[in-house]
């Protein structure tokens, strides 16, 4: 099991140059909010060899991996820890960093994370469907029923049609 460090300890290690911070969240999440100095290396395209060649030399700083809440890094600890570098997990991730009163950089011009967009869209469709069914026709309950069945399917299969659709929206497209 990979050891973890609390946010205050991580900040001290970063300040002393004995550690670097690697953000394993997706690029869109990192673009919206990040810890100053964190290197973006998403799990979806994680390259152990690139990490090892960058931070694996003798006398190289330790690597502290973080995500939003610590869940992704904990679930992938074996993969992250098997890179041949001295590594730690940031306990509680970005959320714990902020809870400790440490600063982040927020760019509100970047879209919110896709999971939150799905929650907003699904909740809105359910609310609209229920409201319209009460005002117009009970047949309109098909809207929240369709959304609910889509969420159940996404939970079972790991594939979310709404997330795929939202990812194609203009505000979520990356330039270049």
C-alpha atoms as a PDB file:
ATOM      1  CA  UNK A   1       0.000   0.000   0.000  1.00  0.00           C
ATOM      2  CA  UNK A   2       1.286   3.421  -0.957  1.00  0.00           C
ATOM      3  CA  UNK A   3       1.763   5.791   2.004  1.00  0.00           C
ATOM      4  CA  UNK A   4      -0.262   8.973   2.161  1.00  0.00           C
ATOM      5  CA  UNK A   5       0.557  12.467   3.349  1.00  0.00           C
ATOM      6  CA  UNK A   6      -1.732  15.156   4.695  1.00  0.00           C
ATOM      7  CA  UNK A   7      -2.051  18.451   2.847  1.00  0.00           C
ATOM      8  CA  UNK A   8       0.086  20.480   5.279  1.00  0.00           C
ATOM      9  CA  UNK A   9       2.928  17.945   5.076  1.00  0.00           C
ATOM     10  CA  UNK A  10       2.648  17.855   1.278  1.00  0.00           C
ATOM     11  CA  UNK A  11       2.847  21.659   1.154  1.00  0.00           C
ATOM     12  CA  UNK A  12       6.002  21.574   3.297  1.00  0.00           C
ATOM     13  CA  UNK A  13       7.610  18.934   1.075  1.00  0.00           C
ATOM     14  CA  UNK A  14       6.742  20.901  -2.051  1.00  0.00           C
ATOM     15  CA  UNK A  15       8.161  24.060  -0.504  1.00  0.00           C
ATOM     16  CA  UNK A  16      11.424  22.360   0.414  1.00  0.00           C
ATOM     17  CA  UNK A  17      11.788  20.859  -3.061  1.00  0.00           C
ATOM     18  CA  UNK A  18      11.751  17.279  -1.767  1.00  0.00           C
ATOM     19  CA  UNK A  19       8.494  16.470  -3.591  1.00  0.00           C
ATOM     20  CA  UNK A  20       6.505  17.298  -6.710  1.00  0.00           C
ATOM     21  CA  UNK A  21       2.741  17.155  -7.019  1.00  0.00           C
ATOM     22  CA  UNK A  22       1.139  15.157  -9.839  1.00  0.00           C
ATOM     23  CA  UNK A  23      -2.560  15.740 -10.590  1.00  0.00           C
ATOM     24  CA  UNK A  24      -4.142  12.570 -12.017  1.00  0.00           C
ATOM     25  CA  UNK A  25      -7.509  14.185 -12.799  1.00  0.00           C
ATOM     26  CA  UNK A  26      -8.608  14.759 -16.389  1.00  0.00           C
ATOM     27  CA  UNK A  27      -7.239  17.842 -18.204  1.00  0.00           C
ATOM     28  CA  UNK A  28     -10.610  19.626 -18.057  1.00  0.00           C
ATOM     29  CA  UNK A  29     -10.742  19.199 -14.277  1.00  0.00           C
ATOM     30  CA  UNK A  30      -7.162  20.453 -13.908  1.00  0.00           C
ATOM     31  CA  UNK A  31      -7.891  23.443 -16.159  1.00  0.00           C
ATOM     32  CA  UNK A  32     -10.857  24.517 -14.000  1.00  0.00           C
ATOM     33  CA  UNK A  33      -9.007  24.304 -10.657  1.00  0.00           C
ATOM     34  CA  UNK A  34      -5.527  23.174  -9.709  1.00  0.00           C
ATOM     35  CA  UNK A  35      -2.914  23.381  -7.001  1.00  0.00           C
ATOM     36  CA  UNK A  36      -0.141  25.786  -8.015  1.00  0.00           C
ATOM     37  CA  UNK A  37       2.860  23.877  -9.334  1.00  0.00           C
ATOM     38  CA  UNK A  38       0.975  20.611  -9.842  1.00  0.00           C
ATOM     39  CA  UNK A  39       1.889  18.656 -12.964  1.00  0.00           C
ATOM     40  CA  UNK A  40      -1.097  17.311 -14.911  1.00  0.00           C
ATOM     41  CA  UNK A  41      -0.756  13.607 -15.730  1.00  0.00           C
ATOM     42  CA  UNK A  42      -4.282  12.158 -16.160  1.00  0.00           C
ATOM     43  CA  UNK A  43      -4.975   8.544 -15.257  1.00  0.00           C
ATOM     44  CA  UNK A  44      -6.712   8.076 -18.615  1.00  0.00           C
ATOM     45  CA  UNK A  45      -3.379   8.427 -20.415  1.00  0.00           C
ATOM     46  CA  UNK A  46      -0.992   7.725 -17.548  1.00  0.00           C
ATOM     47  CA  UNK A  47       2.535   6.931 -18.744  1.00  0.00           C
ATOM     48  CA  UNK A  48       4.624   5.227 -16.070  1.00  0.00           C
ATOM     49  CA  UNK A  49       7.761   5.380 -18.227  1.00  0.00           C
ATOM     50  CA  UNK A  50       7.437   9.159 -18.713  1.00  0.00           C
ATOM     51  CA  UNK A  51       6.975   9.598 -14.975  1.00  0.00           C
ATOM     52  CA  UNK A  52       9.965   7.381 -14.226  1.00  0.00           C
ATOM     53  CA  UNK A  53      12.210   9.190 -16.713  1.00  0.00           C
ATOM     54  CA  UNK A  54      11.200  12.579 -15.293  1.00  0.00           C
ATOM     55  CA  UNK A  55      11.200  11.808 -11.555  1.00  0.00           C
ATOM     56  CA  UNK A  56      13.041   8.508 -11.211  1.00  0.00           C
ATOM     57  CA  UNK A  57      16.669   9.588 -11.108  1.00  0.00           C
ATOM     58  CA  UNK A  58      18.912   9.393  -8.091  1.00  0.00           C
ATOM     59  CA  UNK A  59      18.167  12.266  -5.741  1.00  0.00           C
ATOM     60  CA  UNK A  60      14.904  13.065  -7.559  1.00  0.00           C
ATOM     61  CA  UNK A  61      12.065  14.467  -5.475  1.00  0.00           C
ATOM     62  CA  UNK A  62       9.275  12.197  -4.300  1.00  0.00           C
ATOM     63  CA  UNK A  63       6.010  12.277  -6.235  1.00  0.00           C
ATOM     64  CA  UNK A  64       2.761  13.079  -4.432  1.00  0.00           C
ATOM     65  CA  UNK A  65      -0.265  12.010  -6.479  1.00  0.00           C
ATOM     66  CA  UNK A  66      -3.609  13.724  -6.067  1.00  0.00           C
ATOM     67  CA  UNK A  67      -7.117  13.751  -7.480  1.00  0.00           C
ATOM     68  CA  UNK A  68     -10.228  15.609  -6.288  1.00  0.00           C
ATOM     69  CA  UNK A  69     -11.129  13.561  -3.205  1.00  0.00           C
ATOM     70  CA  UNK A  70      -8.440  10.901  -2.947  1.00  0.00           C
ATOM     71  CA  UNK A  71     -10.675   8.140  -4.265  1.00  0.00           C
ATOM     72  CA  UNK A  72      -9.128   7.819  -7.738  1.00  0.00           C
ATOM     73  CA  UNK A  73      -5.585   7.848  -6.404  1.00  0.00           C
ATOM     74  CA  UNK A  74      -6.462   5.259  -3.751  1.00  0.00           C
ATOM     75  CA  UNK A  75      -8.172   3.011  -6.318  1.00  0.00           C
ATOM     76  CA  UNK A  76      -5.128   3.279  -8.604  1.00  0.00           C
ATOM     77  CA  UNK A  77      -2.446   3.194  -5.909  1.00  0.00           C
ATOM     78  CA  UNK A  78      -0.900  -0.053  -7.179  1.00  0.00           C
ATOM     79  CA  UNK A  79      -0.626   1.354 -10.701  1.00  0.00           C
ATOM     80  CA  UNK A  80       0.759   4.686  -9.520  1.00  0.00           C
ATOM     81  CA  UNK A  81       3.100   3.140  -6.980  1.00  0.00           C
ATOM     82  CA  UNK A  82       4.497   0.683  -9.494  1.00  0.00           C
ATOM     83  CA  UNK A  83       6.256   3.385 -11.495  1.00  0.00           C
ATOM     84  CA  UNK A  84       9.636   2.995  -9.846  1.00  0.00           C
ATOM     85  CA  UNK A  85       9.630   6.383  -8.121  1.00  0.00           C
ATOM     86  CA  UNK A  86       9.268   7.253  -4.457  1.00  0.00           C
ATOM     87  CA  UNK A  87       5.585   8.156  -4.253  1.00  0.00           C
ATOM     88  CA  UNK A  88       2.799   9.143  -1.904  1.00  0.00           C
ATOM     89  CA  UNK A  89      -0.911   9.869  -2.099  1.00  0.00           C
ATOM     90  CA  UNK A  90      -2.290  13.236  -1.026  1.00  0.00           C
ATOM     91  CA  UNK A  91      -4.778  12.189   1.628  1.00  0.00           C
ATOM     92  CA  UNK A  92      -8.195  13.587   0.708  1.00  0.00           C
ATOM     93  CA  UNK A  93      -6.931  15.063  -2.559  1.00  0.00           C
ATOM     94  CA  UNK A  94      -7.707  18.582  -3.720  1.00  0.00           C
ATOM     95  CA  UNK A  95     -10.667  18.798  -1.326  1.00  0.00           C
ATOM     96  CA  UNK A  96      -8.417  18.186   1.705  1.00  0.00           C
ATOM     97  CA  UNK A  97      -5.882  20.681   0.347  1.00  0.00           C
ATOM     98  CA  UNK A  98      -8.587  23.365   0.276  1.00  0.00           C
ATOM     99  CA  UNK A  99     -10.006  22.257   3.664  1.00  0.00           C
ATOM    100  CA  UNK A 100      -6.524  22.845   5.110  1.00  0.00           C
ATOM    101  CA  UNK A 101      -6.766  26.461   3.940  1.00  0.00           C
ATOM    102  CA  UNK A 102      -4.205  26.013   1.168  1.00  0.00           C
ATOM    103  CA  UNK A 103      -4.670  27.886  -2.073  1.00  0.00           C
ATOM    104  CA  UNK A 104      -5.697  26.736  -5.509  1.00  0.00           C
ATOM    105  CA  UNK A 105      -5.952  28.473  -8.857  1.00  0.00           C
ATOM    106  CA  UNK A 106      -9.510  28.606 -10.198  1.00  0.00           C
ATOM    107  CA  UNK A 107     -10.322  29.520 -13.797  1.00  0.00           C
ATOM    108  CA  UNK A 108     -14.073  30.100 -13.964  1.00  0.00           C
ATOM    109  CA  UNK A 109     -13.882  30.507 -17.741  1.00  0.00           C
ATOM    110  CA  UNK A 110     -13.297  26.733 -17.966  1.00  0.00           C
ATOM    111  CA  UNK A 111     -16.324  24.405 -17.826  1.00  0.00           C
ATOM    112  CA  UNK A 112     -17.228  22.605 -14.629  1.00  0.00           C
ATOM    113  CA  UNK A 113     -16.334  18.910 -14.529  1.00  0.00           C
ATOM    114  CA  UNK A 114     -18.409  16.623 -16.722  1.00  0.00           C
ATOM    115  CA  UNK A 115     -19.830  14.584 -13.826  1.00  0.00           C
ATOM    116  CA  UNK A 116     -21.365  17.728 -12.313  1.00  0.00           C
ATOM    117  CA  UNK A 117     -22.757  18.711 -15.717  1.00  0.00           C
ATOM    118  CA  UNK A 118     -24.459  15.298 -15.948  1.00  0.00           C
ATOM    119  CA  UNK A 119     -25.926  15.750 -12.460  1.00  0.00           C
ATOM    120  CA  UNK A 120     -27.267  19.200 -13.350  1.00  0.00           C
ATOM    121  CA  UNK A 121     -28.739  18.025 -16.670  1.00  0.00           C
ATOM    122  CA  UNK A 122     -30.302  14.858 -15.235  1.00  0.00           C
ATOM    123  CA  UNK A 123     -31.741  16.684 -12.232  1.00  0.00           C
ATOM    124  CA  UNK A 124     -33.139  19.424 -14.456  1.00  0.00           C
ATOM    125  CA  UNK A 125     -34.774  16.921 -16.826  1.00  0.00           C
ATOM    126  CA  UNK A 126     -36.369  15.047 -13.910  1.00  0.00           C
ATOM    127  CA  UNK A 127     -37.647  18.292 -12.378  1.00  0.00           C
ATOM    128  CA  UNK A 128     -39.020  19.527 -15.712  1.00  0.00           C
ATOM    129  CA  UNK A 129     -40.638  16.160 -16.465  1.00  0.00           C
ATOM    130  CA  UNK A 130     -42.358  15.937 -13.082  1.00  0.00           C
ATOM    131  CA  UNK A 131     -43.505  19.572 -13.227  1.00  0.00           C
ATOM    132  CA  UNK A 132     -44.894  19.186 -16.765  1.00  0.00           C
ATOM    133  CA  UNK A 133     -46.612  15.919 -15.833  1.00  0.00           C
ATOM    134  CA  UNK A 134     -48.384  17.664 -12.945  1.00  0.00           C
ATOM    135  CA  UNK A 135     -49.351  20.654 -15.078  1.00  0.00           C
ATOM    136  CA  UNK A 136     -50.177  18.998 -18.395  1.00  0.00           C
ATOM    137  CA  UNK A 137     -50.301  15.216 -18.583  1.00  0.00           C
ATOM    138  CA  UNK A 138     -49.125  12.239 -16.571  1.00  0.00           C
ATOM    139  CA  UNK A 139     -47.721  10.859 -19.824  1.00  0.00           C
ATOM    140  CA  UNK A 140     -44.881  13.341 -19.438  1.00  0.00           C
ATOM    141  CA  UNK A 141     -43.547  11.211 -16.581  1.00  0.00           C
ATOM    142  CA  UNK A 142     -41.804   9.353 -19.397  1.00  0.00           C
ATOM    143  CA  UNK A 143     -39.118  12.086 -19.241  1.00  0.00           C
ATOM    144  CA  UNK A 144     -37.935  11.398 -15.670  1.00  0.00           C
ATOM    145  CA  UNK A 145     -38.442   7.672 -16.320  1.00  0.00           C
ATOM    146  CA  UNK A 146     -36.130   7.837 -19.324  1.00  0.00           C
ATOM    147  CA  UNK A 147     -33.517   9.821 -17.380  1.00  0.00           C
ATOM    148  CA  UNK A 148     -33.697   7.412 -14.445  1.00  0.00           C
ATOM    149  CA  UNK A 149     -33.285   4.360 -16.664  1.00  0.00           C
ATOM    150  CA  UNK A 150     -30.321   6.053 -18.379  1.00  0.00           C
ATOM    151  CA  UNK A 151     -28.656   6.664 -15.013  1.00  0.00           C
ATOM    152  CA  UNK A 152     -29.228   3.053 -13.950  1.00  0.00           C
ATOM    153  CA  UNK A 153     -27.744   1.842 -17.252  1.00  0.00           C
ATOM    154  CA  UNK A 154     -24.747   4.177 -16.812  1.00  0.00           C
ATOM    155  CA  UNK A 155     -24.160   2.865 -13.306  1.00  0.00           C
ATOM    156  CA  UNK A 156     -24.316  -0.760 -14.401  1.00  0.00           C
ATOM    157  CA  UNK A 157     -22.401  -0.489 -17.676  1.00  0.00           C
ATOM    158  CA  UNK A 158     -20.004   2.390 -17.018  1.00  0.00           C
ATOM    159  CA  UNK A 159     -21.188   4.072 -20.232  1.00  0.00           C
ATOM    160  CA  UNK A 160     -23.176   7.307 -19.912  1.00  0.00           C
ATOM    161  CA  UNK A 161     -24.875   8.638 -23.016  1.00  0.00           C
ATOM    162  CA  UNK A 162     -25.596  11.976 -21.370  1.00  0.00           C
ATOM    163  CA  UNK A 163     -21.915  12.422 -20.492  1.00  0.00           C
ATOM    164  CA  UNK A 164     -20.948  11.583 -24.081  1.00  0.00           C
ATOM    165  CA  UNK A 165     -23.463  14.115 -25.384  1.00  0.00           C
ATOM    166  CA  UNK A 166     -22.359  16.821 -22.953  1.00  0.00           C
ATOM    167  CA  UNK A 167     -18.705  16.188 -23.805  1.00  0.00           C
ATOM    168  CA  UNK A 168     -19.483  17.188 -27.408  1.00  0.00           C
ATOM    169  CA  UNK A 169     -21.041  20.509 -26.403  1.00  0.00           C
ATOM    170  CA  UNK A 170     -19.118  23.611 -27.545  1.00  0.00           C
ATOM    171  CA  UNK A 171     -18.236  24.721 -24.003  1.00  0.00           C
ATOM    172  CA  UNK A 172     -16.515  21.366 -23.367  1.00  0.00           C
ATOM    173  CA  UNK A 173     -14.483  21.272 -26.548  1.00  0.00           C
ATOM    174  CA  UNK A 174     -10.811  21.989 -26.199  1.00  0.00           C
ATOM    175  CA  UNK A 175      -9.243  24.333 -28.703  1.00  0.00           C
ATOM    176  CA  UNK A 176      -6.483  23.078 -30.929  1.00  0.00           C
END
